[in-house]
Amino acid sequence: MSYTALITREGNMWLADIPDLPGAHAYARTLNRLREGLADAIILAADLHDEAQIDVRFEPGDKTDRLLTRALELAEQRRQLRRTEASVMSETSILAKALIKAGWSVRDAAGALDVTPGRISQLVNS
């Protein structure tokens, strides 16, 4: 489940509120701890099971804070890249196995997928 939190900085603490979920708010000294605290608050406020996978996306509560806004935009781009990389790696593994099964050489499969022959061997043997 994915939620958007509005965050602000007060002194040396970060404060966050989930507008779509009354009662879900948290504060912490670091953004990582804030995200953890919000996950717990969301689980309680939404009455979810304790092991629920919660994704919290931060947005600045003060839209004039350009540095925070840009940092959060960049963080979202980095998360998207990690999701894309995981998807590409999974598809690469599936396709490497299919190419070898279809009779391709390890070297040709590596060239087609732009990885090393050693990596093809790892993928096929995993």
Protein backbone atom coordinates (compact mmCIF):
# COMPACT_ATOMS: atom_id res chain seq x y z
CA MET A 1 0.00 0.00 0.00
CA SER A 2 1.24 3.43 -0.88
CA TYR A 3 0.67 6.66 1.03
CA THR A 4 1.78 10.25 0.59
CA ALA A 5 3.01 12.14 3.65
CA LEU A 6 3.38 15.89 3.94
CA ILE A 7 6.58 16.63 5.83
CA THR A 8 7.95 19.72 7.52
CA ARG A 9 10.98 20.49 9.62
CA GLU A 10 10.64 22.11 13.03
CA GLY A 11 13.92 22.69 14.81
CA ASN A 12 15.82 19.42 14.63
CA MET A 13 12.71 17.25 14.16
CA TRP A 14 10.83 16.11 11.08
CA LEU A 15 7.02 16.05 11.26
CA ALA A 16 4.76 14.15 8.90
CA ASP A 17 1.05 13.79 8.33
CA ILE A 18 -0.90 11.51 6.00
CA PRO A 19 -3.77 13.75 4.79
CA ASP A 20 -5.82 10.80 3.47
CA LEU A 21 -5.63 8.91 6.77
CA PRO A 22 -6.77 10.83 9.85
CA GLY A 23 -4.65 10.05 12.89
CA ALA A 24 -1.63 8.91 10.88
CA HIS A 25 1.20 11.23 11.79
CA ALA A 26 4.70 10.93 13.21
CA TYR A 27 7.80 12.87 14.13
CA ALA A 28 11.47 11.89 14.25
CA ARG A 29 14.98 13.29 14.06
CA THR A 30 15.76 11.61 10.72
CA LEU A 31 13.73 11.00 7.59
CA ASN A 32 14.46 7.26 7.74
CA ARG A 33 13.06 7.07 11.28
CA LEU A 34 10.14 9.23 10.19
CA ARG A 35 9.29 6.77 7.41
CA GLU A 36 9.43 3.87 9.93
CA GLY A 37 7.24 5.73 12.40
CA LEU A 38 4.73 6.58 9.70
CA ALA A 39 4.53 2.96 8.61
CA ASP A 40 3.59 2.01 12.18
CA ALA A 41 1.09 4.89 12.40
CA ILE A 42 -0.50 3.87 9.08
CA ILE A 43 -0.84 0.26 10.19
CA LEU A 44 -2.62 1.40 13.35
CA ALA A 45 -4.79 4.09 11.72
CA ALA A 46 -5.84 1.88 8.78
CA ASP A 47 -6.20 -1.22 10.99
CA LEU A 48 -3.83 -3.27 8.80
CA HIS A 49 -2.00 -6.43 9.81
CA ASP A 50 1.38 -5.90 11.46
CA GLU A 51 3.33 -7.27 8.48
CA ALA A 52 1.66 -5.04 5.89
CA GLN A 53 4.05 -3.62 3.29
CA ILE A 54 3.74 0.15 3.49
CA ASP A 55 5.31 2.52 0.97
CA VAL A 56 5.49 6.13 2.14
CA ARG A 57 6.23 8.89 -0.35
CA PHE A 58 7.23 12.23 1.11
CA GLU A 59 6.03 15.58 -0.20
CA PRO A 60 7.07 18.91 1.29
CA GLY A 61 4.43 20.54 3.46
CA ASP A 62 5.99 23.86 2.48
CA LYS A 63 6.07 24.01 -1.33
CA THR A 64 8.43 27.00 -1.19
CA ASP A 65 11.27 24.86 0.22
CA ARG A 66 12.99 24.28 -3.12
CA LEU A 67 15.88 22.21 -1.76
CA LEU A 68 13.59 19.78 0.04
CA THR A 69 11.28 19.62 -2.96
CA ARG A 70 14.15 18.78 -5.32
CA ALA A 71 15.66 16.26 -2.89
CA LEU A 72 12.32 14.44 -2.61
CA GLU A 73 11.87 14.47 -6.40
CA LEU A 74 15.32 12.98 -6.83
CA ALA A 75 14.61 10.34 -4.18
CA GLU A 76 11.47 9.32 -6.06
CA GLN A 77 13.47 9.02 -9.29
CA ARG A 78 16.00 6.80 -7.48
CA ARG A 79 13.19 4.56 -6.14
CA GLN A 80 11.76 4.27 -9.65
CA LEU A 81 15.18 3.33 -11.01
CA ARG A 82 15.52 0.58 -8.39
CA ARG A 83 12.09 -0.80 -9.33
CA THR A 84 13.01 -0.68 -13.02
CA GLU A 85 16.37 -2.35 -12.36
CA ALA A 86 14.72 -5.17 -10.42
CA SER A 87 12.24 -5.71 -13.25
CA VAL A 88 14.99 -5.70 -15.91
CA MET A 89 17.12 -8.14 -13.89
CA SER A 90 14.20 -10.53 -13.49
CA GLU A 91 13.39 -10.41 -17.20
CA THR A 92 17.09 -10.82 -18.07
CA SER A 93 17.25 -13.99 -16.00
CA ILE A 94 14.13 -15.44 -17.60
CA LEU A 95 15.31 -14.60 -21.11
CA ALA A 96 18.86 -15.90 -20.50
CA LYS A 97 17.43 -19.27 -19.48
CA ALA A 98 15.12 -19.31 -22.51
CA LEU A 99 17.97 -18.46 -24.92
CA ILE A 100 20.23 -21.21 -23.58
CA LYS A 101 17.34 -23.70 -23.62
CA ALA A 102 16.68 -22.72 -27.27
CA GLY A 103 20.27 -23.68 -28.13
CA TRP A 104 22.03 -20.32 -28.06
CA SER A 105 25.63 -20.30 -26.94
CA VAL A 106 26.48 -18.60 -23.67
CA ARG A 107 28.56 -16.08 -25.61
CA ASP A 108 25.72 -15.24 -28.04
CA ALA A 109 23.18 -14.92 -25.21
CA ALA A 110 25.61 -12.62 -23.37
CA GLY A 111 26.05 -10.47 -26.46
CA ALA A 112 22.32 -10.23 -27.07
CA LEU A 113 21.59 -9.28 -23.44
CA ASP A 114 24.67 -7.07 -23.04
CA VAL A 115 26.03 -8.96 -20.03
CA THR A 116 29.14 -11.08 -19.56
CA PRO A 117 29.18 -14.78 -20.38
CA GLY A 118 29.91 -15.41 -16.72
CA ARG A 119 26.71 -13.60 -15.78
CA ILE A 120 24.73 -15.73 -18.22
CA SER A 121 26.14 -18.85 -16.55
CA GLN A 122 25.17 -17.49 -13.14
CA LEU A 123 21.64 -16.70 -14.29
CA VAL A 124 21.14 -20.06 -15.98
CA ASN A 125 22.46 -22.01 -12.99
CA SER A 126 20.46 -20.11 -10.38
